[in-house]
């Protein structure tokens, strides 16, 4: 899951080297945290959060295939 989010985030931003994706397991849930440069934050979130919702939807679909619950936080 972490790799999937990292590839998507790096494709969206102007500074792909500043993208940091971490993965933590909290019980049955996997929390994926995405950090990007301040100037790229709007590109990852999108207007009214549409891109962030799309990223979460893709990850949720991939997680459902593996019968896992994944939460994506954009920091």
PDB file of N, CA and C in Angstrom:
ATOM      1  N   UNK A   1       0.815  -1.199   0.000  1.00  0.00           N
ATOM      2  CA  UNK A   1       0.000   0.000   0.000  1.00  0.00           C
ATOM      3  C   UNK A   1       0.863   1.269   0.000  1.00  0.00           C
ATOM      4  N   UNK A   2       1.935   1.241   0.794  1.00  0.00           N
ATOM      5  CA  UNK A   2       2.789   2.412   0.907  1.00  0.00           C
ATOM      6  C   UNK A   2       3.364   2.788  -0.455  1.00  0.00           C
ATOM      7  N   UNK A   3       3.779   1.795  -1.214  1.00  0.00           N
ATOM      8  CA  UNK A   3       4.370   2.047  -2.524  1.00  0.00           C
ATOM      9  C   UNK A   3       3.350   2.665  -3.479  1.00  0.00           C
ATOM     10  N   UNK A   4       2.122   2.178  -3.419  1.00  0.00           N
ATOM     11  CA  UNK A   4       1.056   2.700  -4.273  1.00  0.00           C
ATOM     12  C   UNK A   4       0.824   4.180  -3.997  1.00  0.00           C
ATOM     13  N   UNK A   5       0.708   4.540  -2.729  1.00  0.00           N
ATOM     14  CA  UNK A   5       0.479   5.939  -2.355  1.00  0.00           C
ATOM     15  C   UNK A   5       1.674   6.797  -2.758  1.00  0.00           C
ATOM     16  N   UNK A   6       2.869   6.264  -2.581  1.00  0.00           N
ATOM     17  CA  UNK A   6       4.080   7.017  -2.918  1.00  0.00           C
ATOM     18  C   UNK A   6       4.150   7.312  -4.419  1.00  0.00           C
ATOM     19  N   UNK A   7       3.828   6.346  -5.237  1.00  0.00           N
ATOM     20  CA  UNK A   7       3.853   6.542  -6.693  1.00  0.00           C
ATOM     21  C   UNK A   7       2.826   7.592  -7.114  1.00  0.00           C
ATOM     22  N   UNK A   8       1.633   7.524  -6.547  1.00  0.00           N
ATOM     23  CA  UNK A   8       0.581   8.487  -6.890  1.00  0.00           C
ATOM     24  C   UNK A   8       0.994   9.892  -6.457  1.00  0.00           C
ATOM     25  N   UNK A   9       1.487  10.032  -5.232  1.00  0.00           N
ATOM     26  CA  UNK A   9       1.860  11.346  -4.706  1.00  0.00           C
ATOM     27  C   UNK A   9       3.007  11.957  -5.505  1.00  0.00           C
ATOM     28  N   UNK A  10       4.006  11.153  -5.839  1.00  0.00           N
ATOM     29  CA  UNK A  10       5.147  11.673  -6.593  1.00  0.00           C
ATOM     30  C   UNK A  10       4.750  12.116  -7.993  1.00  0.00           C
ATOM     31  N   UNK A  11       3.742  11.484  -8.560  1.00  0.00           N
ATOM     32  CA  UNK A  11       3.280  11.863  -9.897  1.00  0.00           C
ATOM     33  C   UNK A  11       2.540  13.202  -9.874  1.00  0.00           C
ATOM     34  N   UNK A  12       1.982  13.568  -8.740  1.00  0.00           N
ATOM     35  CA  UNK A  12       1.175  14.784  -8.645  1.00  0.00           C
ATOM     36  C   UNK A  12       1.979  16.043  -8.354  1.00  0.00           C
ATOM     37  N   UNK A  13       3.096  15.933  -7.672  1.00  0.00           N
ATOM     38  CA  UNK A  13       3.797  17.105  -7.142  1.00  0.00           C
ATOM     39  C   UNK A  13       4.920  17.595  -8.057  1.00  0.00           C
ATOM     40  N   UNK A  14       5.370  18.838  -7.794  1.00  0.00           N
ATOM     41  CA  UNK A  14       6.497  19.413  -8.528  1.00  0.00           C
ATOM     42  C   UNK A  14       7.832  18.971  -7.937  1.00  0.00           C
ATOM     43  N   UNK A  15       7.851  18.677  -6.625  1.00  0.00           N
ATOM     44  CA  UNK A  15       9.075  18.263  -5.940  1.00  0.00           C
ATOM     45  C   UNK A  15       8.928  16.818  -5.437  1.00  0.00           C
ATOM     46  N   UNK A  16       9.088  15.830  -6.316  1.00  0.00           N
ATOM     47  CA  UNK A  16       8.883  14.430  -5.900  1.00  0.00           C
ATOM     48  C   UNK A  16       9.890  13.949  -4.853  1.00  0.00           C
ATOM     49  N   UNK A  17      11.059  14.606  -4.762  1.00  0.00           N
ATOM     50  CA  UNK A  17      12.050  14.195  -3.768  1.00  0.00           C
ATOM     51  C   UNK A  17      11.610  14.520  -2.345  1.00  0.00           C
ATOM     52  N   UNK A  18      10.686  15.463  -2.191  1.00  0.00           N
ATOM     53  CA  UNK A  18      10.238  15.859  -0.854  1.00  0.00           C
ATOM     54  C   UNK A  18       9.067  15.011  -0.346  1.00  0.00           C
ATOM     55  N   UNK A  19       8.595  14.065  -1.145  1.00  0.00           N
ATOM     56  CA  UNK A  19       7.479  13.208  -0.738  1.00  0.00           C
ATOM     57  C   UNK A  19       7.986  12.133   0.222  1.00  0.00           C
ATOM     58  N   UNK A  20       7.344  12.070   1.399  1.00  0.00           N
ATOM     59  CA  UNK A  20       7.692  11.056   2.393  1.00  0.00           C
ATOM     60  C   UNK A  20       6.414  10.323   2.773  1.00  0.00           C
ATOM     61  N   UNK A  21       6.409   9.007   2.617  1.00  0.00           N
ATOM     62  CA  UNK A  21       5.245   8.186   2.940  1.00  0.00           C
ATOM     63  C   UNK A  21       5.648   7.198   4.028  1.00  0.00           C
ATOM     64  N   UNK A  22       4.917   7.227   5.153  1.00  0.00           N
ATOM     65  CA  UNK A  22       5.193   6.291   6.242  1.00  0.00           C
ATOM     66  C   UNK A  22       3.967   5.428   6.489  1.00  0.00           C
ATOM     67  N   UNK A  23       4.219   4.236   6.992  1.00  0.00           N
ATOM     68  CA  UNK A  23       3.136   3.279   7.236  1.00  0.00           C
ATOM     69  C   UNK A  23       3.225   2.785   8.677  1.00  0.00           C
ATOM     70  N   UNK A  24       2.096   2.873   9.395  1.00  0.00           N
ATOM     71  CA  UNK A  24       2.033   2.395  10.776  1.00  0.00           C
ATOM     72  C   UNK A  24       0.874   1.426  10.906  1.00  0.00           C
ATOM     73  N   UNK A  25       1.069   0.392  11.690  1.00  0.00           N
ATOM     74  CA  UNK A  25      -0.013  -0.555  11.946  1.00  0.00           C
ATOM     75  C   UNK A  25      -0.589  -0.277  13.326  1.00  0.00           C
ATOM     76  N   UNK A  26      -1.887  -0.074  13.382  1.00  0.00           N
ATOM     77  CA  UNK A  26      -2.589   0.164  14.634  1.00  0.00           C
ATOM     78  C   UNK A  26      -3.705  -0.869  14.737  1.00  0.00           C
ATOM     79  N   UNK A  27      -3.408  -1.988  15.348  1.00  0.00           N
ATOM     80  CA  UNK A  27      -4.384  -3.072  15.419  1.00  0.00           C
ATOM     81  C   UNK A  27      -4.596  -3.679  14.053  1.00  0.00           C
ATOM     82  N   UNK A  28      -5.851  -3.693  13.606  1.00  0.00           N
ATOM     83  CA  UNK A  28      -6.167  -4.246  12.278  1.00  0.00           C
ATOM     84  C   UNK A  28      -6.108  -3.186  11.187  1.00  0.00           C
ATOM     85  N   UNK A  29      -5.847  -1.939  11.574  1.00  0.00           N
ATOM     86  CA  UNK A  29      -5.840  -0.829  10.629  1.00  0.00           C
ATOM     87  C   UNK A  29      -4.411  -0.418  10.295  1.00  0.00           C
ATOM     88  N   UNK A  30      -4.190  -0.113   9.030  1.00  0.00           N
ATOM     89  CA  UNK A  30      -2.897   0.410   8.578  1.00  0.00           C
ATOM     90  C   UNK A  30      -3.093   1.896   8.297  1.00  0.00           C
ATOM     91  N   UNK A  31      -2.262   2.733   8.915  1.00  0.00           N
ATOM     92  CA  UNK A  31      -2.323   4.182   8.707  1.00  0.00           C
ATOM     93  C   UNK A  31      -1.145   4.581   7.827  1.00  0.00           C
ATOM     94  N   UNK A  32      -1.459   5.192   6.693  1.00  0.00           N
ATOM     95  CA  UNK A  32      -0.422   5.665   5.776  1.00  0.00           C
ATOM     96  C   UNK A  32      -0.424   7.188   5.830  1.00  0.00           C
ATOM     97  N   UNK A  33       0.729   7.750   6.174  1.00  0.00           N
ATOM     98  CA  UNK A  33       0.856   9.202   6.289  1.00  0.00           C
ATOM     99  C   UNK A  33       1.697   9.720   5.136  1.00  0.00           C
ATOM    100  N   UNK A  34       1.179  10.736   4.451  1.00  0.00           N
ATOM    101  CA  UNK A  34       1.861  11.322   3.299  1.00  0.00           C
ATOM    102  C   UNK A  34       2.285  12.739   3.665  1.00  0.00           C
ATOM    103  N   UNK A  35       3.568  13.029   3.484  1.00  0.00           N
ATOM    104  CA  UNK A  35       4.085  14.381   3.714  1.00  0.00           C
ATOM    105  C   UNK A  35       4.676  14.885   2.408  1.00  0.00           C
ATOM    106  N   UNK A  36       4.296  16.118   2.042  1.00  0.00           N
ATOM    107  CA  UNK A  36       4.809  16.752   0.832  1.00  0.00           C
ATOM    108  C   UNK A  36       5.268  18.168   1.179  1.00  0.00           C
ATOM    109  N   UNK A  37       5.952  18.800   0.248  1.00  0.00           N
ATOM    110  CA  UNK A  37       6.381  20.185   0.444  1.00  0.00           C
ATOM    111  C   UNK A  37       5.149  21.086   0.562  1.00  0.00           C
ATOM    112  N   UNK A  38       5.297  22.182   1.306  1.00  0.00           N
ATOM    113  CA  UNK A  38       4.167  23.101   1.500  1.00  0.00           C
ATOM    114  C   UNK A  38       3.621  23.628   0.179  1.00  0.00           C
ATOM    115  N   UNK A  39       4.504  23.846  -0.780  1.00  0.00           N
ATOM    116  CA  UNK A  39       4.057  24.376  -2.078  1.00  0.00           C
ATOM    117  C   UNK A  39       3.263  23.351  -2.889  1.00  0.00           C
ATOM    118  N   UNK A  40       3.414  22.067  -2.565  1.00  0.00           N
ATOM    119  CA  UNK A  40       2.713  21.010  -3.299  1.00  0.00           C
ATOM    120  C   UNK A  40       1.455  20.508  -2.584  1.00  0.00           C
ATOM    121  N   UNK A  41       1.169  21.031  -1.405  1.00  0.00           N
ATOM    122  CA  UNK A  41       0.035  20.540  -0.615  1.00  0.00           C
ATOM    123  C   UNK A  41      -1.280  20.651  -1.385  1.00  0.00           C
ATOM    124  N   UNK A  42      -1.488  21.763  -2.054  1.00  0.00           N
ATOM    125  CA  UNK A  42      -2.725  21.961  -2.807  1.00  0.00           C
ATOM    126  C   UNK A  42      -2.886  20.981  -3.953  1.00  0.00           C
ATOM    127  N   UNK A  43      -1.792  20.558  -4.537  1.00  0.00           N
ATOM    128  CA  UNK A  43      -1.858  19.612  -5.656  1.00  0.00           C
ATOM    129  C   UNK A  43      -2.262  18.224  -5.186  1.00  0.00           C
ATOM    130  N   UNK A  44      -1.875  17.863  -3.969  1.00  0.00           N
ATOM    131  CA  UNK A  44      -2.216  16.547  -3.438  1.00  0.00           C
ATOM    132  C   UNK A  44      -3.646  16.535  -2.909  1.00  0.00           C
ATOM    133  N   UNK A  45      -4.088  17.663  -2.351  1.00  0.00           N
ATOM    134  CA  UNK A  45      -5.443  17.723  -1.809  1.00  0.00           C
ATOM    135  C   UNK A  45      -6.463  18.002  -2.906  1.00  0.00           C
ATOM    136  N   UNK A  46      -6.169  18.935  -3.790  1.00  0.00           N
ATOM    137  CA  UNK A  46      -7.075  19.259  -4.885  1.00  0.00           C
ATOM    138  C   UNK A  46      -8.211  20.164  -4.450  1.00  0.00           C
ATOM    139  N   UNK A  47      -8.976  20.626  -5.410  1.00  0.00           N
ATOM    140  CA  UNK A  47     -10.119  21.497  -5.108  1.00  0.00           C
ATOM    141  C   UNK A  47     -11.167  20.714  -4.339  1.00  0.00           C
ATOM    142  N   UNK A  48     -11.550  21.267  -3.199  1.00  0.00           N
ATOM    143  CA  UNK A  48     -12.543  20.652  -2.302  1.00  0.00           C
ATOM    144  C   UNK A  48     -12.157  19.222  -1.914  1.00  0.00           C
ATOM    145  N   UNK A  49     -10.859  18.920  -1.933  1.00  0.00           N
ATOM    146  CA  UNK A  49     -10.387  17.614  -1.491  1.00  0.00           C
ATOM    147  C   UNK A  49     -10.631  16.477  -2.457  1.00  0.00           C
ATOM    148  N   UNK A  50     -10.882  16.792  -3.706  1.00  0.00           N
ATOM    149  CA  UNK A  50     -11.227  15.746  -4.678  1.00  0.00           C
ATOM    150  C   UNK A  50     -10.080  14.779  -4.952  1.00  0.00           C
ATOM    151  N   UNK A  51      -8.868  15.291  -5.075  1.00  0.00           N
ATOM    152  CA  UNK A  51      -7.732  14.400  -5.365  1.00  0.00           C
ATOM    153  C   UNK A  51      -7.434  13.531  -4.151  1.00  0.00           C
ATOM    154  N   UNK A  52      -7.520  14.118  -2.953  1.00  0.00           N
ATOM    155  CA  UNK A  52      -7.305  13.340  -1.728  1.00  0.00           C
ATOM    156  C   UNK A  52      -8.342  12.221  -1.615  1.00  0.00           C
ATOM    157  N   UNK A  53      -9.586  12.526  -1.949  1.00  0.00           N
ATOM    158  CA  UNK A  53     -10.646  11.498  -1.923  1.00  0.00           C
ATOM    159  C   UNK A  53     -10.362  10.404  -2.945  1.00  0.00           C
ATOM    160  N   UNK A  54      -9.865  10.794  -4.105  1.00  0.00           N
ATOM    161  CA  UNK A  54      -9.557   9.810  -5.148  1.00  0.00           C
ATOM    162  C   UNK A  54      -8.416   8.895  -4.709  1.00  0.00           C
ATOM    163  N   UNK A  55      -7.390   9.473  -4.079  1.00  0.00           N
ATOM    164  CA  UNK A  55      -6.276   8.656  -3.573  1.00  0.00           C
ATOM    165  C   UNK A  55      -6.799   7.673  -2.539  1.00  0.00           C
ATOM    166  N   UNK A  56      -7.640   8.146  -1.624  1.00  0.00           N
ATOM    167  CA  UNK A  56      -8.192   7.271  -0.583  1.00  0.00           C
ATOM    168  C   UNK A  56      -9.045   6.165  -1.187  1.00  0.00           C
ATOM    169  N   UNK A  57      -9.798   6.490  -2.243  1.00  0.00           N
ATOM    170  CA  UNK A  57     -10.647   5.484  -2.889  1.00  0.00           C
ATOM    171  C   UNK A  57      -9.812   4.385  -3.546  1.00  0.00           C
ATOM    172  N   UNK A  58      -8.749   4.774  -4.222  1.00  0.00           N
ATOM    173  CA  UNK A  58      -7.878   3.797  -4.887  1.00  0.00           C
ATOM    174  C   UNK A  58      -7.228   2.889  -3.847  1.00  0.00           C
ATOM    175  N   UNK A  59      -6.738   3.484  -2.758  1.00  0.00           N
ATOM    176  CA  UNK A  59      -6.079   2.701  -1.713  1.00  0.00           C
ATOM    177  C   UNK A  59      -7.086   1.791  -1.020  1.00  0.00           C
ATOM    178  N   UNK A  60      -8.285   2.300  -0.797  1.00  0.00           N
ATOM    179  CA  UNK A  60      -9.325   1.487  -0.154  1.00  0.00           C
ATOM    180  C   UNK A  60      -9.686   0.281  -1.017  1.00  0.00           C
ATOM    181  N   UNK A  61      -9.756   0.481  -2.331  1.00  0.00           N
ATOM    182  CA  UNK A  61     -10.063  -0.626  -3.239  1.00  0.00           C
ATOM    183  C   UNK A  61      -8.940  -1.663  -3.232  1.00  0.00           C
ATOM    184  N   UNK A  62      -7.692  -1.192  -3.231  1.00  0.00           N
ATOM    185  CA  UNK A  62      -6.558  -2.118  -3.192  1.00  0.00           C
ATOM    186  C   UNK A  62      -6.517  -2.862  -1.858  1.00  0.00           C
ATOM    187  N   UNK A  63      -6.866  -2.180  -0.776  1.00  0.00           N
ATOM    188  CA  UNK A  63      -6.862  -2.800   0.550  1.00  0.00           C
ATOM    189  C   UNK A  63      -7.987  -3.824   0.681  1.00  0.00           C
ATOM    190  N   UNK A  64      -9.113  -3.550   0.061  1.00  0.00           N
ATOM    191  CA  UNK A  64     -10.245  -4.474   0.125  1.00  0.00           C
ATOM    192  C   UNK A  64      -9.892  -5.798  -0.546  1.00  0.00           C
ATOM    193  N   UNK A  65      -9.076  -5.738  -1.571  1.00  0.00           N
ATOM    194  CA  UNK A  65      -8.623  -6.952  -2.243  1.00  0.00           C
ATOM    195  C   UNK A  65      -7.842  -7.847  -1.295  1.00  0.00           C
ATOM    196  N   UNK A  66      -7.077  -7.208  -0.390  1.00  0.00           N
ATOM    197  CA  UNK A  66      -6.257  -7.944   0.565  1.00  0.00           C
ATOM    198  C   UNK A  66      -6.956  -8.102   1.912  1.00  0.00           C
ATOM    199  N   UNK A  67      -8.210  -7.694   1.993  1.00  0.00           N
ATOM    200  CA  UNK A  67      -9.018  -7.794   3.211  1.00  0.00           C
ATOM    201  C   UNK A  67      -8.371  -7.042   4.381  1.00  0.00           C
ATOM    202  N   UNK A  68      -7.968  -5.789   4.116  1.00  0.00           N
ATOM    203  CA  UNK A  68      -7.361  -4.934   5.127  1.00  0.00           C
ATOM    204  C   UNK A  68      -8.088  -3.600   5.163  1.00  0.00           C
ATOM    205  N   UNK A  69      -7.894  -2.860   6.255  1.00  0.00           N
ATOM    206  CA  UNK A  69      -8.450  -1.513   6.367  1.00  0.00           C
ATOM    207  C   UNK A  69      -7.290  -0.533   6.378  1.00  0.00           C
ATOM    208  N   UNK A  70      -7.319   0.443   5.479  1.00  0.00           N
ATOM    209  CA  UNK A  70      -6.240   1.397   5.344  1.00  0.00           C
ATOM    210  C   UNK A  70      -6.798   2.810   5.444  1.00  0.00           C
ATOM    211  N   UNK A  71      -6.092   3.649   6.217  1.00  0.00           N
ATOM    212  CA  UNK A  71      -6.442   5.059   6.358  1.00  0.00           C
ATOM    213  C   UNK A  71      -5.287   5.868   5.786  1.00  0.00           C
ATOM    214  N   UNK A  72      -5.591   6.865   4.941  1.00  0.00           N
ATOM    215  CA  UNK A  72      -4.558   7.722   4.357  1.00  0.00           C
ATOM    216  C   UNK A  72      -4.685   9.107   4.960  1.00  0.00           C
ATOM    217  N   UNK A  73      -3.608   9.564   5.626  1.00  0.00           N
ATOM    218  CA  UNK A  73      -3.548  10.910   6.191  1.00  0.00           C
ATOM    219  C   UNK A  73      -2.573  11.742   5.372  1.00  0.00           C
ATOM    220  N   UNK A  74      -2.990  12.940   5.012  1.00  0.00           N
ATOM    221  CA  UNK A  74      -2.116  13.852   4.274  1.00  0.00           C
ATOM    222  C   UNK A  74      -1.700  14.954   5.236  1.00  0.00           C
ATOM    223  N   UNK A  75      -0.397  15.032   5.498  1.00  0.00           N
ATOM    224  CA  UNK A  75       0.117  16.007   6.472  1.00  0.00           C
ATOM    225  C   UNK A  75       0.994  17.034   5.791  1.00  0.00           C
TER     226      UNK A  75
END
